[in-house]
Amino acid sequence: MKSIQNKTTGPLRVPLPRGKVLHLGPHKTGQINDPAAEHPPFKKLVEAGKIEIVEEGAQAAASAGVGSAVHVSSQGAGPKNTMRKTGDR
């Protein structure tokens, strides 16, 4: 797998083999198969400077810290362990 990065300030439609398309937002990264990097329309985007193929080691090192972080939810209701009063009041 190769990582690619959109170097433009707008979204890109990256053509891939077998009629598939990868949509990349501005300055976002994505992954493609190794054979897809040899697809002629894809090569045109690389030569035009709109896409850059990111090194595997740099991408793996950057994402290593993200995967180990504990996910904390920032939305939704709080804990539901409150006691409700029942019986005579």
PDB file of N, CA and C in Angstrom:
ATOM      1  N   MET A   1       0.848  -1.177   0.000  1.00  0.00           N
ATOM      2  CA  MET A   1       0.000   0.000   0.000  1.00  0.00           C
ATOM      3  C   MET A   1       0.893   1.239   0.000  1.00  0.00           C
ATOM      4  N   LYS A   2       0.477   2.213  -0.775  1.00  0.00           N
ATOM      5  CA  LYS A   2       1.180   3.485  -0.822  1.00  0.00           C
ATOM      6  C   LYS A   2       0.264   4.570  -0.289  1.00  0.00           C
ATOM      7  N   SER A   3       0.843   5.531   0.381  1.00  0.00           N
ATOM      8  CA  SER A   3       0.092   6.669   0.881  1.00  0.00           C
ATOM      9  C   SER A   3       0.306   7.843  -0.058  1.00  0.00           C
ATOM     10  N   ILE A   4      -0.782   8.548  -0.358  1.00  0.00           N
ATOM     11  CA  ILE A   4      -0.694   9.724  -1.218  1.00  0.00           C
ATOM     12  C   ILE A   4      -1.289  10.914  -0.486  1.00  0.00           C
ATOM     13  N   GLN A   5      -0.834  12.117  -0.855  1.00  0.00           N
ATOM     14  CA  GLN A   5      -1.327  13.333  -0.216  1.00  0.00           C
ATOM     15  C   GLN A   5      -1.749  14.330  -1.274  1.00  0.00           C
ATOM     16  N   ASN A   6      -2.903  14.951  -1.074  1.00  0.00           N
ATOM     17  CA  ASN A   6      -3.407  16.006  -1.936  1.00  0.00           C
ATOM     18  C   ASN A   6      -2.634  17.279  -1.608  1.00  0.00           C
ATOM     19  N   LYS A   7      -1.923  17.835  -2.571  1.00  0.00           N
ATOM     20  CA  LYS A   7      -1.110  19.031  -2.340  1.00  0.00           C
ATOM     21  C   LYS A   7      -1.848  20.314  -2.718  1.00  0.00           C
ATOM     22  N   THR A   8      -3.103  20.220  -3.157  1.00  0.00           N
ATOM     23  CA  THR A   8      -3.855  21.399  -3.582  1.00  0.00           C
ATOM     24  C   THR A   8      -4.723  21.910  -2.433  1.00  0.00           C
ATOM     25  N   THR A   9      -5.330  23.071  -2.649  1.00  0.00           N
ATOM     26  CA  THR A   9      -6.219  23.647  -1.637  1.00  0.00           C
ATOM     27  C   THR A   9      -7.676  23.296  -1.902  1.00  0.00           C
ATOM     28  N   GLY A  10      -7.920  22.446  -2.881  1.00  0.00           N
ATOM     29  CA  GLY A  10      -9.279  22.020  -3.200  1.00  0.00           C
ATOM     30  C   GLY A  10      -9.375  20.503  -3.196  1.00  0.00           C
ATOM     31  N   PRO A  11     -10.593  19.961  -3.213  1.00  0.00           N
ATOM     32  CA  PRO A  11     -10.764  18.509  -3.256  1.00  0.00           C
ATOM     33  C   PRO A  11     -10.357  17.945  -4.611  1.00  0.00           C
ATOM     34  N   LEU A  12      -9.894  16.704  -4.626  1.00  0.00           N
ATOM     35  CA  LEU A  12      -9.470  16.035  -5.860  1.00  0.00           C
ATOM     36  C   LEU A  12     -10.198  14.724  -6.032  1.00  0.00           C
ATOM     37  N   ARG A  13     -10.455  14.379  -7.284  1.00  0.00           N
ATOM     38  CA  ARG A  13     -10.939  13.050  -7.645  1.00  0.00           C
ATOM     39  C   ARG A  13      -9.763  12.342  -8.284  1.00  0.00           C
ATOM     40  N   VAL A  14      -9.243  11.325  -7.614  1.00  0.00           N
ATOM     41  CA  VAL A  14      -8.068  10.601  -8.089  1.00  0.00           C
ATOM     42  C   VAL A  14      -8.541   9.345  -8.824  1.00  0.00           C
ATOM     43  N   PRO A  15      -8.308   9.275 -10.151  1.00  0.00           N
ATOM     44  CA  PRO A  15      -8.747   8.094 -10.907  1.00  0.00           C
ATOM     45  C   PRO A  15      -7.863   6.886 -10.609  1.00  0.00           C
ATOM     46  N   LEU A  16      -8.515   5.748 -10.399  1.00  0.00           N
ATOM     47  CA  LEU A  16      -7.819   4.504 -10.109  1.00  0.00           C
ATOM     48  C   LEU A  16      -8.221   3.453 -11.141  1.00  0.00           C
ATOM     49  N   PRO A  17      -7.471   2.348 -11.225  1.00  0.00           N
ATOM     50  CA  PRO A  17      -7.822   1.300 -12.182  1.00  0.00           C
ATOM     51  C   PRO A  17      -9.223   0.721 -11.934  1.00  0.00           C
ATOM     52  N   ARG A  18      -9.787   0.126 -12.968  1.00  0.00           N
ATOM     53  CA  ARG A  18     -11.105  -0.516 -12.948  1.00  0.00           C
ATOM     54  C   ARG A  18     -12.230   0.465 -12.652  1.00  0.00           C
ATOM     55  N   GLY A  19     -12.054   1.733 -13.068  1.00  0.00           N
ATOM     56  CA  GLY A  19     -13.112   2.719 -12.953  1.00  0.00           C
ATOM     57  C   GLY A  19     -13.364   3.255 -11.556  1.00  0.00           C
ATOM     58  N   LYS A  20     -12.488   2.974 -10.616  1.00  0.00           N
ATOM     59  CA  LYS A  20     -12.677   3.455  -9.254  1.00  0.00           C
ATOM     60  C   LYS A  20     -12.088   4.852  -9.098  1.00  0.00           C
ATOM     61  N   VAL A  21     -12.578   5.571  -8.093  1.00  0.00           N
ATOM     62  CA  VAL A  21     -12.137   6.942  -7.844  1.00  0.00           C
ATOM     63  C   VAL A  21     -11.914   7.117  -6.347  1.00  0.00           C
ATOM     64  N   LEU A  22     -10.814   7.769  -5.976  1.00  0.00           N
ATOM     65  CA  LEU A  22     -10.533   8.118  -4.588  1.00  0.00           C
ATOM     66  C   LEU A  22     -10.745   9.617  -4.443  1.00  0.00           C
ATOM     67  N   HIS A  23     -11.620  10.012  -3.523  1.00  0.00           N
ATOM     68  CA  HIS A  23     -11.889  11.429  -3.273  1.00  0.00           C
ATOM     69  C   HIS A  23     -11.003  11.884  -2.117  1.00  0.00           C
ATOM     70  N   LEU A  24     -10.160  12.886  -2.381  1.00  0.00           N
ATOM     71  CA  LEU A  24      -9.261  13.415  -1.358  1.00  0.00           C
ATOM     72  C   LEU A  24      -9.584  14.878  -1.107  1.00  0.00           C
ATOM     73  N   GLY A  25      -9.786  15.230   0.146  1.00  0.00           N
ATOM     74  CA  GLY A  25     -10.014  16.616   0.513  1.00  0.00           C
ATOM     75  C   GLY A  25      -8.710  17.398   0.475  1.00  0.00           C
ATOM     76  N   PRO A  26      -8.782  18.712   0.637  1.00  0.00           N
ATOM     77  CA  PRO A  26      -7.584  19.552   0.600  1.00  0.00           C
ATOM     78  C   PRO A  26      -6.556  19.131   1.646  1.00  0.00           C
ATOM     79  N   HIS A  27      -5.339  18.879   1.210  1.00  0.00           N
ATOM     80  CA  HIS A  27      -4.203  18.515   2.059  1.00  0.00           C
ATOM     81  C   HIS A  27      -4.439  17.232   2.856  1.00  0.00           C
ATOM     82  N   LYS A  28      -5.316  16.356   2.404  1.00  0.00           N
ATOM     83  CA  LYS A  28      -5.598  15.092   3.082  1.00  0.00           C
ATOM     84  C   LYS A  28      -4.772  13.971   2.464  1.00  0.00           C
ATOM     85  N   THR A  29      -4.642  12.859   3.192  1.00  0.00           N
ATOM     86  CA  THR A  29      -3.904  11.714   2.696  1.00  0.00           C
ATOM     87  C   THR A  29      -4.854  10.535   2.517  1.00  0.00           C
ATOM     88  N   GLY A  30      -4.446   9.612   1.656  1.00  0.00           N
ATOM     89  CA  GLY A  30      -5.210   8.404   1.404  1.00  0.00           C
ATOM     90  C   GLY A  30      -4.254   7.287   1.041  1.00  0.00           C
ATOM     91  N   GLN A  31      -4.771   6.078   0.914  1.00  0.00           N
ATOM     92  CA  GLN A  31      -3.934   4.935   0.569  1.00  0.00           C
ATOM     93  C   GLN A  31      -4.446   4.284  -0.705  1.00  0.00           C
ATOM     94  N   ILE A  32      -3.503   3.828  -1.523  1.00  0.00           N
ATOM     95  CA  ILE A  32      -3.829   3.132  -2.759  1.00  0.00           C
ATOM     96  C   ILE A  32      -2.980   1.873  -2.841  1.00  0.00           C
ATOM     97  N   ASN A  33      -3.405   0.931  -3.668  1.00  0.00           N
ATOM     98  CA  ASN A  33      -2.612  -0.273  -3.913  1.00  0.00           C
ATOM     99  C   ASN A  33      -1.385   0.086  -4.744  1.00  0.00           C
ATOM    100  N   ASP A  34      -0.352  -0.734  -4.654  1.00  0.00           N
ATOM    101  CA  ASP A  34       0.865  -0.490  -5.428  1.00  0.00           C
ATOM    102  C   ASP A  34       0.615  -0.472  -6.933  1.00  0.00           C
ATOM    103  N   PRO A  35      -0.195  -1.387  -7.498  1.00  0.00           N
ATOM    104  CA  PRO A  35      -0.432  -1.334  -8.945  1.00  0.00           C
ATOM    105  C   PRO A  35      -1.186  -0.078  -9.387  1.00  0.00           C
ATOM    106  N   ALA A  36      -1.966   0.528  -8.512  1.00  0.00           N
ATOM    107  CA  ALA A  36      -2.717   1.727  -8.877  1.00  0.00           C
ATOM    108  C   ALA A  36      -1.794   2.908  -9.148  1.00  0.00           C
ATOM    109  N   ALA A  37      -0.588   2.884  -8.585  1.00  0.00           N
ATOM    110  CA  ALA A  37       0.364   3.970  -8.795  1.00  0.00           C
ATOM    111  C   ALA A  37       0.887   3.990 -10.238  1.00  0.00           C
ATOM    112  N   GLU A  38       0.709   2.889 -10.969  1.00  0.00           N
ATOM    113  CA  GLU A  38       1.159   2.814 -12.362  1.00  0.00           C
ATOM    114  C   GLU A  38       0.066   3.183 -13.348  1.00  0.00           C
ATOM    115  N   HIS A  39      -1.125   3.518 -12.867  1.00  0.00           N
ATOM    116  CA  HIS A  39      -2.259   3.880 -13.730  1.00  0.00           C
ATOM    117  C   HIS A  39      -1.958   5.227 -14.409  1.00  0.00           C
ATOM    118  N   PRO A  40      -2.048   5.311 -15.750  1.00  0.00           N
ATOM    119  CA  PRO A  40      -1.668   6.544 -16.465  1.00  0.00           C
ATOM    120  C   PRO A  40      -2.361   7.829 -15.994  1.00  0.00           C
ATOM    121  N   PRO A  41      -3.691   7.848 -15.764  1.00  0.00           N
ATOM    122  CA  PRO A  41      -4.285   9.094 -15.267  1.00  0.00           C
ATOM    123  C   PRO A  41      -3.755   9.497 -13.883  1.00  0.00           C
ATOM    124  N   PHE A  42      -3.434   8.503 -13.059  1.00  0.00           N
ATOM    125  CA  PHE A  42      -2.865   8.789 -11.739  1.00  0.00           C
ATOM    126  C   PHE A  42      -1.479   9.409 -11.895  1.00  0.00           C
ATOM    127  N   LYS A  43      -0.679   8.869 -12.830  1.00  0.00           N
ATOM    128  CA  LYS A  43       0.664   9.401 -13.063  1.00  0.00           C
ATOM    129  C   LYS A  43       0.614  10.861 -13.507  1.00  0.00           C
ATOM    130  N   LYS A  44      -0.415  11.227 -14.287  1.00  0.00           N
ATOM    131  CA  LYS A  44      -0.550  12.620 -14.744  1.00  0.00           C
ATOM    132  C   LYS A  44      -0.726  13.568 -13.556  1.00  0.00           C
ATOM    133  N   LEU A  45      -1.514  13.151 -12.556  1.00  0.00           N
ATOM    134  CA  LEU A  45      -1.704  13.996 -11.375  1.00  0.00           C
ATOM    135  C   LEU A  45      -0.417  14.135 -10.575  1.00  0.00           C
ATOM    136  N   VAL A  46       0.370  13.055 -10.505  1.00  0.00           N
ATOM    137  CA  VAL A  46       1.644  13.106  -9.786  1.00  0.00           C
ATOM    138  C   VAL A  46       2.612  14.040 -10.508  1.00  0.00           C
ATOM    139  N   GLU A  47       2.673  13.918 -11.853  1.00  0.00           N
ATOM    140  CA  GLU A  47       3.582  14.764 -12.635  1.00  0.00           C
ATOM    141  C   GLU A  47       3.168  16.228 -12.576  1.00  0.00           C
ATOM    142  N   ALA A  48       1.865  16.499 -12.467  1.00  0.00           N
ATOM    143  CA  ALA A  48       1.381  17.875 -12.385  1.00  0.00           C
ATOM    144  C   ALA A  48       1.633  18.487 -11.004  1.00  0.00           C
ATOM    145  N   GLY A  49       2.013  17.672 -10.034  1.00  0.00           N
ATOM    146  CA  GLY A  49       2.297  18.172  -8.692  1.00  0.00           C
ATOM    147  C   GLY A  49       1.075  18.297  -7.814  1.00  0.00           C
ATOM    148  N   LYS A  50      -0.065  17.760  -8.254  1.00  0.00           N
ATOM    149  CA  LYS A  50      -1.278  17.839  -7.451  1.00  0.00           C
ATOM    150  C   LYS A  50      -1.306  16.784  -6.359  1.00  0.00           C
ATOM    151  N   ILE A  51      -0.593  15.670  -6.595  1.00  0.00           N
ATOM    152  CA  ILE A  51      -0.530  14.578  -5.629  1.00  0.00           C
ATOM    153  C   ILE A  51       0.922  14.251  -5.357  1.00  0.00           C
ATOM    154  N   GLU A  52       1.214  13.914  -4.114  1.00  0.00           N
ATOM    155  CA  GLU A  52       2.555  13.480  -3.745  1.00  0.00           C
ATOM    156  C   GLU A  52       2.450  12.097  -3.101  1.00  0.00           C
ATOM    157  N   ILE A  53       3.362  11.211  -3.485  1.00  0.00           N
ATOM    158  CA  ILE A  53       3.411   9.894  -2.870  1.00  0.00           C
ATOM    159  C   ILE A  53       4.265  10.022  -1.614  1.00  0.00           C
ATOM    160  N   VAL A  54       3.645   9.752  -0.445  1.00  0.00           N
ATOM    161  CA  VAL A  54       4.294   9.904   0.848  1.00  0.00           C
ATOM    162  C   VAL A  54       5.060   8.625   1.152  1.00  0.00           C
ATOM    163  N   GLU A  55       6.225   8.752   1.765  1.00  0.00           N
ATOM    164  CA  GLU A  55       7.022   7.583   2.127  1.00  0.00           C
ATOM    165  C   GLU A  55       6.288   6.758   3.168  1.00  0.00           C
ATOM    166  N   GLU A  56       6.439   5.454   3.072  1.00  0.00           N
ATOM    167  CA  GLU A  56       5.764   4.537   3.988  1.00  0.00           C
ATOM    168  C   GLU A  56       6.195   4.759   5.432  1.00  0.00           C
ATOM    169  N   GLY A  57       7.483   4.920   5.694  1.00  0.00           N
ATOM    170  CA  GLY A  57       7.991   5.067   7.053  1.00  0.00           C
ATOM    171  C   GLY A  57       7.483   6.323   7.724  1.00  0.00           C
ATOM    172  N   ALA A  58       7.403   7.434   6.992  1.00  0.00           N
ATOM    173  CA  ALA A  58       6.940   8.699   7.563  1.00  0.00           C
ATOM    174  C   ALA A  58       5.470   8.600   7.941  1.00  0.00           C
ATOM    175  N   GLN A  59       4.668   7.966   7.098  1.00  0.00           N
ATOM    176  CA  GLN A  59       3.242   7.825   7.379  1.00  0.00           C
ATOM    177  C   GLN A  59       3.015   6.886   8.555  1.00  0.00           C
ATOM    178  N   ALA A  60       3.761   5.796   8.618  1.00  0.00           N
ATOM    179  CA  ALA A  60       3.592   4.822   9.694  1.00  0.00           C
ATOM    180  C   ALA A  60       3.992   5.429  11.039  1.00  0.00           C
ATOM    181  N   ALA A  61       5.054   6.220  11.063  1.00  0.00           N
ATOM    182  CA  ALA A  61       5.499   6.841  12.305  1.00  0.00           C
ATOM    183  C   ALA A  61       4.493   7.877  12.793  1.00  0.00           C
ATOM    184  N   ALA A  62       3.888   8.609  11.870  1.00  0.00           N
ATOM    185  CA  ALA A  62       2.918   9.631  12.250  1.00  0.00           C
ATOM    186  C   ALA A  62       1.634   9.018  12.792  1.00  0.00           C
ATOM    187  N   SER A  63       1.218   7.886  12.244  1.00  0.00           N
ATOM    188  CA  SER A  63      -0.034   7.290  12.680  1.00  0.00           C
ATOM    189  C   SER A  63       0.149   6.337  13.856  1.00  0.00           C
ATOM    190  N   ALA A  64       1.385   6.019  14.244  1.00  0.00           N
ATOM    191  CA  ALA A  64       1.622   5.083  15.346  1.00  0.00           C
ATOM    192  C   ALA A  64       1.098   5.644  16.657  1.00  0.00           C
ATOM    193  N   GLY A  65       1.281   6.918  16.913  1.00  0.00           N
ATOM    194  CA  GLY A  65       0.812   7.518  18.148  1.00  0.00           C
ATOM    195  C   GLY A  65      -0.693   7.664  18.186  1.00  0.00           C
ATOM    196  N   VAL A  66      -1.331   7.832  17.057  1.00  0.00           N
ATOM    197  CA  VAL A  66      -2.769   8.028  17.001  1.00  0.00           C
ATOM    198  C   VAL A  66      -3.506   6.749  17.384  1.00  0.00           C
ATOM    199  N   GLY A  67      -3.036   5.603  16.919  1.00  0.00           N
ATOM    200  CA  GLY A  67      -3.711   4.341  17.179  1.00  0.00           C
ATOM    201  C   GLY A  67      -3.671   3.927  18.635  1.00  0.00           C
ATOM    202  N   SER A  68      -2.675   4.387  19.383  1.00  0.00           N
ATOM    203  CA  SER A  68      -2.553   3.969  20.770  1.00  0.00           C
ATOM    204  C   SER A  68      -3.318   4.875  21.725  1.00  0.00           C
ATOM    205  N   ALA A  69      -3.879   5.969  21.240  1.00  0.00           N
ATOM    206  CA  ALA A  69      -4.609   6.891  22.101  1.00  0.00           C
ATOM    207  C   ALA A  69      -5.958   6.295  22.486  1.00  0.00           C
ATOM    208  N   VAL A  70      -6.399   6.590  23.704  1.00  0.00           N
ATOM    209  CA  VAL A  70      -7.683   6.120  24.184  1.00  0.00           C
ATOM    210  C   VAL A  70      -8.748   7.036  23.622  1.00  0.00           C
ATOM    211  N   HIS A  71      -9.810   6.442  23.071  1.00  0.00           N
ATOM    212  CA  HIS A  71     -10.892   7.226  22.485  1.00  0.00           C
ATOM    213  C   HIS A  71     -11.786   7.770  23.591  1.00  0.00           C
ATOM    214  N   VAL A  72     -11.965   9.072  23.591  1.00  0.00           N
ATOM    215  CA  VAL A  72     -12.829   9.709  24.566  1.00  0.00           C
ATOM    216  C   VAL A  72     -13.957  10.374  23.798  1.00  0.00           C
ATOM    217  N   SER A  73     -15.177  10.053  24.151  1.00  0.00           N
ATOM    218  CA  SER A  73     -16.331  10.608  23.469  1.00  0.00           C
ATOM    219  C   SER A  73     -16.556  12.045  23.927  1.00  0.00           C
ATOM    220  N   SER A  74     -16.833  12.911  22.966  1.00  0.00           N
ATOM    221  CA  SER A  74     -17.081  14.307  23.309  1.00  0.00           C
ATOM    222  C   SER A  74     -18.553  14.655  23.133  1.00  0.00           C
ATOM    223  N   GLN A  75     -19.355  13.682  22.763  1.00  0.00           N
ATOM    224  CA  GLN A  75     -20.771  13.936  22.553  1.00  0.00           C
ATOM    225  C   GLN A  75     -21.590  12.895  23.299  1.00  0.00           C
ATOM    226  N   GLY A  76     -22.870  13.163  23.406  1.00  0.00           N
ATOM    227  CA  GLY A  76     -23.771  12.195  24.015  1.00  0.00           C
ATOM    228  C   GLY A  76     -24.077  12.528  25.462  1.00  0.00           C
ATOM    229  N   ALA A  77     -24.953  11.738  26.031  1.00  0.00           N
ATOM    230  CA  ALA A  77     -25.369  11.951  27.404  1.00  0.00           C
ATOM    231  C   ALA A  77     -24.305  11.449  28.371  1.00  0.00           C
ATOM    232  N   GLY A  78     -24.349  11.927  29.559  1.00  0.00           N
ATOM    233  CA  GLY A  78     -23.409  11.512  30.582  1.00  0.00           C
ATOM    234  C   GLY A  78     -23.739  10.113  31.099  1.00  0.00           C
ATOM    235  N   PRO A  79     -23.078   9.695  32.155  1.00  0.00           N
ATOM    236  CA  PRO A  79     -23.327   8.354  32.698  1.00  0.00           C
ATOM    237  C   PRO A  79     -24.761   8.222  33.208  1.00  0.00           C
ATOM    238  N   LYS A  80     -25.318   7.037  33.069  1.00  0.00           N
ATOM    239  CA  LYS A  80     -26.711   6.816  33.457  1.00  0.00           C
ATOM    240  C   LYS A  80     -26.799   5.967  34.717  1.00  0.00           C
ATOM    241  N   ASN A  81     -25.919   6.214  35.668  1.00  0.00           N
ATOM    242  CA  ASN A  81     -25.924   5.432  36.898  1.00  0.00           C
ATOM    243  C   ASN A  81     -26.489   6.230  38.064  1.00  0.00           C
ATOM    244  N   THR A  82     -27.377   7.177  37.788  1.00  0.00           N
ATOM    245  CA  THR A  82     -27.982   7.963  38.867  1.00  0.00           C
ATOM    246  C   THR A  82     -29.161   7.188  39.459  1.00  0.00           C
ATOM    247  N   MET A  83     -29.391   7.383  40.745  1.00  0.00           N
ATOM    248  CA  MET A  83     -30.463   6.684  41.436  1.00  0.00           C
ATOM    249  C   MET A  83     -31.748   7.505  41.322  1.00  0.00           C
ATOM    250  N   ARG A  84     -32.835   6.852  41.019  1.00  0.00           N
ATOM    251  CA  ARG A  84     -34.132   7.526  40.993  1.00  0.00           C
ATOM    252  C   ARG A  84     -34.866   7.212  42.292  1.00  0.00           C
ATOM    253  N   LYS A  85     -35.517   8.221  42.776  1.00  0.00           N
ATOM    254  CA  LYS A  85     -36.266   8.042  44.018  1.00  0.00           C
ATOM    255  C   LYS A  85     -37.546   7.266  43.714  1.00  0.00           C
ATOM    256  N   THR A  86     -37.819   6.280  44.501  1.00  0.00           N
ATOM    257  CA  THR A  86     -39.031   5.507  44.350  1.00  0.00           C
ATOM    258  C   THR A  86     -39.704   5.364  45.703  1.00  0.00           C
ATOM    259  N   GLY A  87     -40.926   4.940  45.694  1.00  0.00           N
ATOM    260  CA  GLY A  87     -41.624   4.712  46.962  1.00  0.00           C
ATOM    261  C   GLY A  87     -42.357   5.929  47.457  1.00  0.00           C
ATOM    262  N   ASP A  88     -42.698   5.942  48.756  1.00  0.00           N
ATOM    263  CA  ASP A  88     -43.436   7.046  49.368  1.00  0.00           C
ATOM    264  C   ASP A  88     -42.529   8.260  49.513  1.00  0.00           C
ATOM    265  N   ARG A  89     -43.124   9.425  49.204  1.00  0.00           N
ATOM    266  CA  ARG A  89     -42.383  10.683  49.387  1.00  0.00           C
ATOM    267  C   ARG A  89     -43.163  11.633  50.203  1.00  0.00           C
TER     268      ARG A  89
END
